[in-house]
Amino acid sequence: MKDPLINLWETERTLHNEGFALVCGADEAGRGPLAGPVCAAAVILPEGIELPGLNDSKKLTEKKREALYPLIKEAAVSYGIAFASVEEIEELNILNAALLAMDRAIAQLEPKPALALIDGNTTRGISVPARSVVGGDGKCACIAAASVLAKVTRDHLMLELAEQYPQYGFEKHKGYGTAAHYGAIDRYGPCPAHRPSFLKKYYAKR
């Protein structure tokens, strides 16, 4: 059976052979939830470093993501983590807000990457040379690492929001549209952490 880490490094190896010395991966977490900001991370990894279990954050358990989180930070040549706020999501739409957060994360990197690999199908608004990679968090080590940093950071923020707004259960669903979350919105109405545009369809159905 082929080692999945070999697959994760193929894209970066090819780009290094093409002359791109420093390649970063960027990904976001939180495009789908009804509440909270969208979080993005950008990561430059040393070529070929072993991070056992590294994969798309959605395919990892919370325990595994939490274990990888400090390892990625420690191993990275550089990393950046940034947000786009609920207000920016409302103003720009969620895709543009996610791209803005990724661009902010990339801007934190030092040294600067020669190329950014962006998870998804667009590089709109990215300020450095960039290529999009559909499903990149399962194909590229640096994007997979970024996906873990973004997901864990956002989850931690949702725990803080849970303390601020305990009636919604953010600590359990992290802002996603579960039955319990919709029930809490019905009972208490939305709070400032909610994304009004994400609730329109729900209110229309009701």
Protein backbone atom coordinates (compact mmCIF):
# COMPACT_ATOMS: atom_id res chain seq x y z
CA MET A 1 0.00 0.00 0.00
CA LYS A 2 1.37 3.39 -0.98
CA ASP A 3 2.29 5.73 1.86
CA PRO A 4 -0.21 8.64 1.78
CA LEU A 5 2.62 10.99 2.80
CA ILE A 6 4.36 10.23 -0.50
CA ASN A 7 1.22 11.38 -2.32
CA LEU A 8 0.96 14.49 -0.15
CA TRP A 9 4.49 15.54 -1.11
CA GLU A 10 4.30 14.91 -4.87
CA THR A 11 3.00 18.38 -5.79
CA GLU A 12 5.58 20.20 -3.66
CA ARG A 13 8.42 18.02 -5.01
CA THR A 14 7.40 18.79 -8.59
CA LEU A 15 7.27 22.51 -7.85
CA HIS A 16 10.65 22.44 -6.10
CA ASN A 17 12.07 20.72 -9.19
CA GLU A 18 10.55 23.50 -11.30
CA GLY A 19 12.57 26.00 -9.30
CA PHE A 20 10.05 27.16 -6.67
CA ALA A 21 12.22 27.06 -3.57
CA LEU A 22 9.54 28.12 -1.08
CA VAL A 23 5.97 26.95 -1.59
CA CYS A 24 3.19 27.63 0.89
CA GLY A 25 -0.21 26.04 1.19
CA ALA A 26 -3.30 27.97 2.25
CA ASP A 27 -6.69 26.74 3.37
CA GLU A 28 -9.66 27.95 5.37
CA ALA A 29 -12.07 26.59 7.95
CA GLY A 30 -15.59 27.78 8.58
CA ARG A 31 -17.19 28.48 5.21
CA GLY A 32 -20.33 26.55 6.11
CA PRO A 33 -21.30 27.51 9.68
CA LEU A 34 -24.13 29.85 10.64
CA ALA A 35 -21.93 31.69 13.13
CA GLY A 36 -18.39 32.87 13.75
CA PRO A 37 -15.66 34.20 11.48
CA VAL A 38 -13.91 32.25 8.75
CA CYS A 39 -10.33 31.31 9.67
CA ALA A 40 -7.44 30.69 7.27
CA ALA A 41 -3.89 29.48 7.61
CA ALA A 42 -0.84 29.47 5.37
CA VAL A 43 2.11 27.13 5.92
CA ILE A 44 5.56 26.63 4.43
CA LEU A 45 6.93 23.21 5.38
CA PRO A 46 10.54 22.03 5.11
CA GLU A 47 10.82 19.75 2.10
CA GLY A 48 9.95 16.12 2.89
CA ILE A 49 9.42 16.58 6.62
CA GLU A 50 7.52 13.73 8.26
CA LEU A 51 4.35 14.63 10.11
CA PRO A 52 2.75 11.24 10.85
CA GLY A 53 -0.96 11.22 10.23
CA LEU A 54 -1.02 14.54 8.35
CA ASN A 55 -4.11 14.72 6.14
CA ASP A 56 -7.07 16.87 5.24
CA SER A 57 -8.32 18.15 8.61
CA LYS A 58 -11.86 16.97 7.80
CA LYS A 59 -10.58 13.38 7.67
CA LEU A 60 -8.91 13.60 11.08
CA THR A 61 -10.43 13.23 14.52
CA GLU A 62 -10.44 16.25 16.80
CA LYS A 63 -7.84 14.51 18.99
CA LYS A 64 -5.52 13.94 16.02
CA ARG A 65 -5.91 17.54 14.81
CA GLU A 66 -5.09 18.84 18.29
CA ALA A 67 -2.00 16.61 18.41
CA LEU A 68 -0.80 17.76 14.98
CA TYR A 69 -1.42 21.45 15.69
CA PRO A 70 1.73 22.15 17.77
CA LEU A 71 3.82 19.76 15.65
CA ILE A 72 2.98 21.69 12.47
CA LYS A 73 3.73 25.02 14.14
CA GLU A 74 7.06 23.72 15.39
CA ALA A 75 8.06 22.08 12.10
CA ALA A 76 7.00 24.88 9.74
CA VAL A 77 9.53 27.16 8.09
CA SER A 78 6.81 29.77 8.59
CA TYR A 79 3.08 29.89 9.20
CA GLY A 80 0.35 32.52 9.36
CA ILE A 81 -3.20 32.41 10.74
CA ALA A 82 -5.84 35.04 10.03
CA PHE A 83 -9.60 35.66 10.10
CA ALA A 84 -12.29 37.40 8.14
CA SER A 85 -15.03 38.67 10.43
CA VAL A 86 -18.77 38.07 10.33
CA GLU A 87 -19.13 41.66 9.08
CA GLU A 88 -16.68 40.97 6.23
CA ILE A 89 -18.51 37.75 5.36
CA GLU A 90 -21.75 39.72 5.11
CA GLU A 91 -20.16 42.47 3.04
CA LEU A 92 -18.03 40.39 0.66
CA ASN A 93 -19.81 36.96 0.67
CA ILE A 94 -18.26 33.87 2.20
CA LEU A 95 -16.00 32.90 -0.72
CA ASN A 96 -14.42 36.34 -0.99
CA ALA A 97 -14.09 36.57 2.80
CA ALA A 98 -12.33 33.17 2.86
CA LEU A 99 -9.92 34.32 0.13
CA LEU A 100 -9.29 37.54 2.07
CA ALA A 101 -8.46 35.53 5.20
CA MET A 102 -6.08 33.31 3.19
CA ASP A 103 -4.36 36.35 1.71
CA ARG A 104 -3.96 37.80 5.22
CA ALA A 105 -2.42 34.54 6.45
CA ILE A 106 0.00 34.40 3.50
CA ALA A 107 1.02 38.02 4.17
CA GLN A 108 2.29 36.93 7.62
CA LEU A 109 4.81 34.46 6.16
CA GLU A 110 8.49 35.23 6.47
CA PRO A 111 10.35 34.37 4.30
CA LYS A 112 7.86 35.09 1.53
CA PRO A 113 6.76 32.14 -0.62
CA ALA A 114 7.61 32.02 -4.31
CA LEU A 115 4.24 30.35 -4.91
CA ALA A 116 1.07 29.82 -2.91
CA LEU A 117 -1.08 26.73 -3.38
CA ILE A 118 -4.69 27.65 -2.62
CA ASP A 119 -7.23 25.00 -1.71
CA GLY A 120 -10.21 25.31 -4.06
CA ASN A 121 -10.74 26.48 -7.62
CA THR A 122 -9.81 30.17 -7.52
CA THR A 123 -6.91 32.39 -6.49
CA ARG A 124 -8.85 35.64 -6.76
CA GLY A 125 -7.46 38.35 -4.49
CA ILE A 126 -4.29 36.47 -3.54
CA SER A 127 -1.39 38.94 -3.52
CA VAL A 128 1.44 36.51 -4.37
CA PRO A 129 1.83 34.17 -7.37
CA ALA A 130 -0.69 31.40 -6.73
CA ARG A 131 -2.22 28.24 -8.13
CA SER A 132 -5.52 26.72 -7.09
CA VAL A 133 -5.71 23.03 -6.18
CA VAL A 134 -9.16 21.47 -5.99
CA GLY A 135 -9.21 19.12 -3.00
CA GLY A 136 -5.74 20.38 -2.15
CA ASP A 137 -6.06 19.57 1.54
CA GLY A 138 -5.96 15.89 0.59
CA LYS A 139 -3.27 16.27 -2.09
CA CYS A 140 -0.59 18.67 -0.81
CA ALA A 141 1.26 18.46 2.50
CA CYS A 142 1.44 22.22 2.98
CA ILE A 143 -2.29 22.70 2.31
CA ALA A 144 -3.14 19.79 4.62
CA ALA A 145 -1.03 21.43 7.34
CA ALA A 146 -2.80 24.76 6.75
CA SER A 147 -6.18 23.03 6.98
CA VAL A 148 -5.30 21.66 10.42
CA LEU A 149 -4.07 25.02 11.75
CA ALA A 150 -7.17 26.80 10.43
CA LYS A 151 -9.63 24.22 11.77
CA VAL A 152 -8.09 23.96 15.26
CA THR A 153 -7.70 27.73 15.60
CA ARG A 154 -11.32 28.29 14.60
CA ASP A 155 -12.56 25.56 16.94
CA HIS A 156 -10.70 27.23 19.82
CA LEU A 157 -12.31 30.56 18.95
CA MET A 158 -15.77 28.95 18.92
CA LEU A 159 -15.09 27.69 22.47
CA GLU A 160 -14.48 31.32 23.47
CA LEU A 161 -17.72 32.36 21.76
CA ALA A 162 -19.49 29.55 23.66
CA GLU A 163 -18.48 31.20 26.92
CA GLN A 164 -19.74 34.56 25.66
CA TYR A 165 -23.03 33.14 24.30
CA PRO A 166 -23.60 29.90 26.26
CA GLN A 167 -27.21 29.44 25.14
CA TYR A 168 -26.25 28.35 21.59
CA GLY A 169 -23.97 25.37 22.30
CA PHE A 170 -21.12 26.62 20.08
CA GLU A 171 -18.73 24.34 21.97
CA LYS A 172 -20.55 21.31 20.54
CA HIS A 173 -21.37 22.22 16.92
CA LYS A 174 -18.80 25.02 16.35
CA GLY A 175 -21.49 27.16 14.72
CA TYR A 176 -22.70 24.63 12.15
CA GLY A 177 -26.42 24.26 11.48
CA THR A 178 -27.40 21.36 13.72
CA ALA A 179 -30.94 20.79 14.96
CA ALA A 180 -29.89 21.93 18.44
CA HIS A 181 -28.34 25.10 17.02
CA TYR A 182 -31.45 25.98 14.99
CA GLY A 183 -33.54 25.26 18.09
CA ALA A 184 -31.46 27.72 20.11
CA ILE A 185 -31.86 30.38 17.40
CA ASP A 186 -35.64 29.80 17.48
CA ARG A 187 -35.65 30.22 21.23
CA TYR A 188 -33.20 33.10 21.72
CA GLY A 189 -32.90 34.72 18.29
CA PRO A 190 -29.51 35.28 16.66
CA CYS A 191 -26.54 36.85 18.47
CA PRO A 192 -23.83 39.16 17.05
CA ALA A 193 -21.71 36.11 16.19
CA HIS A 194 -24.33 34.83 13.73
CA ARG A 195 -24.12 35.48 9.99
CA PRO A 196 -27.45 37.09 9.00
CA SER A 197 -27.19 36.05 5.34
CA PHE A 198 -26.78 32.40 6.40
CA LEU A 199 -30.07 32.52 8.33
CA LYS A 200 -32.20 34.00 5.53
CA LYS A 201 -33.11 30.65 3.97
CA TYR A 202 -33.98 29.20 7.36
CA TYR A 203 -36.23 32.12 8.24
CA ALA A 204 -37.82 31.94 4.77
CA LYS A 205 -38.62 28.23 5.29
CA ARG A 206 -40.17 28.95 8.65
